[in-house]
Amino acid sequence: MSKIEIQCNNHQACAKDVETFVKNELKANDIRLNTVADLNIYYKPEHNQVYYVATTKDGRIYRNIEPLEFA
């Protein structure tokens, strides 16, 4: 079992927690995870912000323009 911890300045996050955070955001926006073919997640630890780009199996692309604040 591996755990990846990201640390920068006074912020820290577990990579798996960031992934779960984004997946919950997708579900909250009525995007079913079983339709997602690719999910790219970008975490900016210096600002504790998360961006994502999700591409579904039918080619639709979902992304956030405004950063998500990772708690």
N, C-alpha and C. Protein backbone atom coordinates (compact mmCIF):
# COMPACT_ATOMS: atom_id res chain seq x y z
N MET A 1 0.84 -1.18 0.00
CA MET A 1 0.00 0.00 0.00
C MET A 1 0.88 1.23 0.00
N SER A 2 0.61 2.14 -0.90
CA SER A 2 1.37 3.38 -1.01
C SER A 2 0.47 4.57 -0.69
N LYS A 3 1.10 5.63 -0.22
CA LYS A 3 0.39 6.88 0.04
C LYS A 3 1.29 8.00 -0.45
N ILE A 4 0.73 8.86 -1.29
CA ILE A 4 1.48 10.00 -1.79
C ILE A 4 0.97 11.25 -1.09
N GLU A 5 1.86 11.90 -0.38
CA GLU A 5 1.53 13.12 0.36
C GLU A 5 2.23 14.29 -0.33
N ILE A 6 1.45 15.33 -0.63
CA ILE A 6 1.97 16.52 -1.29
C ILE A 6 2.07 17.62 -0.24
N GLN A 7 3.24 18.24 -0.14
CA GLN A 7 3.44 19.30 0.84
C GLN A 7 4.07 20.51 0.18
N CYS A 8 3.54 21.67 0.50
CA CYS A 8 4.08 22.93 -0.03
C CYS A 8 3.67 24.04 0.93
N ASN A 9 4.64 24.83 1.34
CA ASN A 9 4.38 25.88 2.33
C ASN A 9 3.66 25.27 3.52
N ASN A 10 2.51 25.77 3.89
CA ASN A 10 1.77 25.21 5.02
C ASN A 10 0.61 24.33 4.58
N HIS A 11 0.59 23.92 3.32
CA HIS A 11 -0.49 23.08 2.80
C HIS A 11 0.02 21.67 2.58
N GLN A 12 -0.85 20.73 2.83
CA GLN A 12 -0.52 19.34 2.54
C GLN A 12 -1.79 18.61 2.15
N ALA A 13 -1.62 17.60 1.31
CA ALA A 13 -2.76 16.82 0.86
C ALA A 13 -2.28 15.44 0.45
N CYS A 14 -3.13 14.48 0.65
CA CYS A 14 -2.89 13.12 0.18
C CYS A 14 -3.46 13.04 -1.25
N ALA A 15 -2.70 12.49 -2.17
CA ALA A 15 -3.13 12.42 -3.57
C ALA A 15 -4.48 11.72 -3.70
N LYS A 16 -4.69 10.67 -2.95
CA LYS A 16 -5.96 9.92 -3.01
C LYS A 16 -7.12 10.80 -2.52
N ASP A 17 -6.89 11.63 -1.52
CA ASP A 17 -7.93 12.53 -1.03
C ASP A 17 -8.31 13.58 -2.07
N VAL A 18 -7.32 14.05 -2.82
CA VAL A 18 -7.59 15.02 -3.89
C VAL A 18 -8.43 14.34 -4.98
N GLU A 19 -8.08 13.10 -5.32
CA GLU A 19 -8.84 12.35 -6.32
C GLU A 19 -10.28 12.15 -5.85
N THR A 20 -10.49 11.75 -4.63
CA THR A 20 -11.83 11.55 -4.08
C THR A 20 -12.61 12.86 -4.08
N PHE A 21 -11.95 13.94 -3.74
CA PHE A 21 -12.56 15.28 -3.75
C PHE A 21 -13.11 15.61 -5.14
N VAL A 22 -12.32 15.38 -6.18
CA VAL A 22 -12.74 15.67 -7.54
C VAL A 22 -13.88 14.73 -7.97
N LYS A 23 -13.77 13.47 -7.64
CA LYS A 23 -14.83 12.52 -8.01
C LYS A 23 -16.15 12.90 -7.35
N ASN A 24 -16.11 13.36 -6.12
CA ASN A 24 -17.33 13.82 -5.45
C ASN A 24 -17.90 15.06 -6.13
N GLU A 25 -17.02 15.92 -6.61
CA GLU A 25 -17.45 17.11 -7.35
C GLU A 25 -18.15 16.71 -8.66
N LEU A 26 -17.59 15.73 -9.35
CA LEU A 26 -18.20 15.25 -10.59
C LEU A 26 -19.59 14.67 -10.30
N LYS A 27 -19.69 13.85 -9.27
CA LYS A 27 -20.99 13.27 -8.90
C LYS A 27 -22.00 14.37 -8.54
N ALA A 28 -21.54 15.39 -7.84
CA ALA A 28 -22.43 16.49 -7.45
C ALA A 28 -22.94 17.24 -8.68
N ASN A 29 -22.20 17.17 -9.78
CA ASN A 29 -22.60 17.81 -11.03
C ASN A 29 -23.27 16.81 -11.98
N ASP A 30 -23.77 15.71 -11.42
CA ASP A 30 -24.51 14.69 -12.17
C ASP A 30 -23.70 14.04 -13.29
N ILE A 31 -22.40 13.92 -13.09
CA ILE A 31 -21.55 13.20 -14.04
C ILE A 31 -21.27 11.83 -13.43
N ARG A 32 -21.74 10.80 -14.09
CA ARG A 32 -21.56 9.44 -13.57
C ARG A 32 -20.13 8.98 -13.81
N LEU A 33 -19.48 8.52 -12.76
CA LEU A 33 -18.08 8.13 -12.86
C LEU A 33 -17.85 6.98 -13.83
N ASN A 34 -18.84 6.10 -14.00
CA ASN A 34 -18.65 4.98 -14.91
C ASN A 34 -18.70 5.42 -16.38
N THR A 35 -19.01 6.69 -16.63
CA THR A 35 -18.99 7.21 -18.00
C THR A 35 -17.68 7.94 -18.31
N VAL A 36 -16.84 8.13 -17.29
CA VAL A 36 -15.59 8.87 -17.46
C VAL A 36 -14.49 7.93 -17.99
N ALA A 37 -13.92 8.30 -19.13
CA ALA A 37 -12.83 7.52 -19.72
C ALA A 37 -11.48 8.01 -19.20
N ASP A 38 -11.31 9.33 -19.11
CA ASP A 38 -10.05 9.93 -18.63
C ASP A 38 -10.37 11.03 -17.63
N LEU A 39 -9.56 11.06 -16.58
CA LEU A 39 -9.71 12.11 -15.57
C LEU A 39 -8.32 12.64 -15.24
N ASN A 40 -8.09 13.89 -15.56
CA ASN A 40 -6.82 14.54 -15.25
C ASN A 40 -7.07 15.57 -14.15
N ILE A 41 -6.26 15.47 -13.10
CA ILE A 41 -6.43 16.32 -11.92
C ILE A 41 -5.15 17.12 -11.71
N TYR A 42 -5.34 18.41 -11.46
CA TYR A 42 -4.21 19.31 -11.25
C TYR A 42 -4.37 19.98 -9.89
N TYR A 43 -3.44 19.70 -9.00
CA TYR A 43 -3.48 20.26 -7.65
C TYR A 43 -2.38 21.30 -7.52
N LYS A 44 -2.75 22.51 -7.13
CA LYS A 44 -1.79 23.59 -6.91
C LYS A 44 -1.62 23.75 -5.40
N PRO A 45 -0.64 23.08 -4.81
CA PRO A 45 -0.52 23.09 -3.35
C PRO A 45 -0.23 24.46 -2.76
N GLU A 46 0.43 25.32 -3.51
CA GLU A 46 0.75 26.64 -2.95
C GLU A 46 -0.50 27.46 -2.68
N HIS A 47 -1.61 27.13 -3.37
CA HIS A 47 -2.88 27.84 -3.18
C HIS A 47 -4.00 26.92 -2.69
N ASN A 48 -3.69 25.63 -2.54
CA ASN A 48 -4.67 24.64 -2.10
C ASN A 48 -5.87 24.60 -3.07
N GLN A 49 -5.58 24.66 -4.37
CA GLN A 49 -6.61 24.69 -5.40
C GLN A 49 -6.51 23.46 -6.30
N VAL A 50 -7.68 23.05 -6.81
CA VAL A 50 -7.75 21.88 -7.67
C VAL A 50 -8.49 22.23 -8.96
N TYR A 51 -7.93 21.75 -10.06
CA TYR A 51 -8.57 21.83 -11.37
C TYR A 51 -8.69 20.41 -11.91
N TYR A 52 -9.65 20.18 -12.79
CA TYR A 52 -9.77 18.86 -13.40
C TYR A 52 -10.30 18.97 -14.82
N VAL A 53 -10.00 17.94 -15.61
CA VAL A 53 -10.56 17.77 -16.94
C VAL A 53 -10.99 16.31 -17.02
N ALA A 54 -12.29 16.11 -17.21
CA ALA A 54 -12.84 14.75 -17.32
C ALA A 54 -13.40 14.58 -18.73
N THR A 55 -12.99 13.50 -19.38
CA THR A 55 -13.50 13.17 -20.71
C THR A 55 -14.31 11.89 -20.60
N THR A 56 -15.54 11.94 -21.07
CA THR A 56 -16.41 10.77 -21.00
C THR A 56 -16.14 9.85 -22.19
N LYS A 57 -16.66 8.64 -22.10
CA LYS A 57 -16.48 7.65 -23.15
C LYS A 57 -17.07 8.10 -24.48
N ASP A 58 -18.07 8.98 -24.43
CA ASP A 58 -18.66 9.48 -25.68
C ASP A 58 -18.03 10.80 -26.13
N GLY A 59 -16.92 11.20 -25.50
CA GLY A 59 -16.15 12.34 -25.96
C GLY A 59 -16.50 13.69 -25.35
N ARG A 60 -17.46 13.73 -24.45
CA ARG A 60 -17.78 15.00 -23.79
C ARG A 60 -16.67 15.37 -22.81
N ILE A 61 -16.41 16.66 -22.70
CA ILE A 61 -15.35 17.14 -21.82
C ILE A 61 -15.96 18.04 -20.75
N TYR A 62 -15.61 17.75 -19.51
CA TYR A 62 -16.05 18.54 -18.36
C TYR A 62 -14.81 19.05 -17.66
N ARG A 63 -14.83 20.32 -17.28
CA ARG A 63 -13.71 20.91 -16.56
C ARG A 63 -14.21 22.05 -15.69
N ASN A 64 -13.44 22.39 -14.72
CA ASN A 64 -13.78 23.55 -13.91
C ASN A 64 -12.92 24.73 -14.35
N ILE A 65 -13.57 25.86 -14.51
CA ILE A 65 -12.84 27.08 -14.88
C ILE A 65 -12.33 27.77 -13.63
N GLU A 66 -13.21 27.86 -12.64
CA GLU A 66 -12.83 28.42 -11.33
C GLU A 66 -12.20 27.31 -10.50
N PRO A 67 -11.15 27.61 -9.76
CA PRO A 67 -10.51 26.56 -8.96
C PRO A 67 -11.42 26.08 -7.83
N LEU A 68 -11.29 24.80 -7.52
CA LEU A 68 -11.96 24.24 -6.35
C LEU A 68 -11.01 24.40 -5.18
N GLU A 69 -11.53 24.84 -4.06
CA GLU A 69 -10.70 24.98 -2.86
C GLU A 69 -10.68 23.65 -2.13
N PHE A 70 -9.50 23.08 -2.00
CA PHE A 70 -9.34 21.80 -1.32
C PHE A 70 -9.16 22.05 0.18
N ALA A 71 -10.03 21.46 0.96
CA ALA A 71 -9.97 21.71 2.41
C ALA A 71 -9.03 20.77 3.10
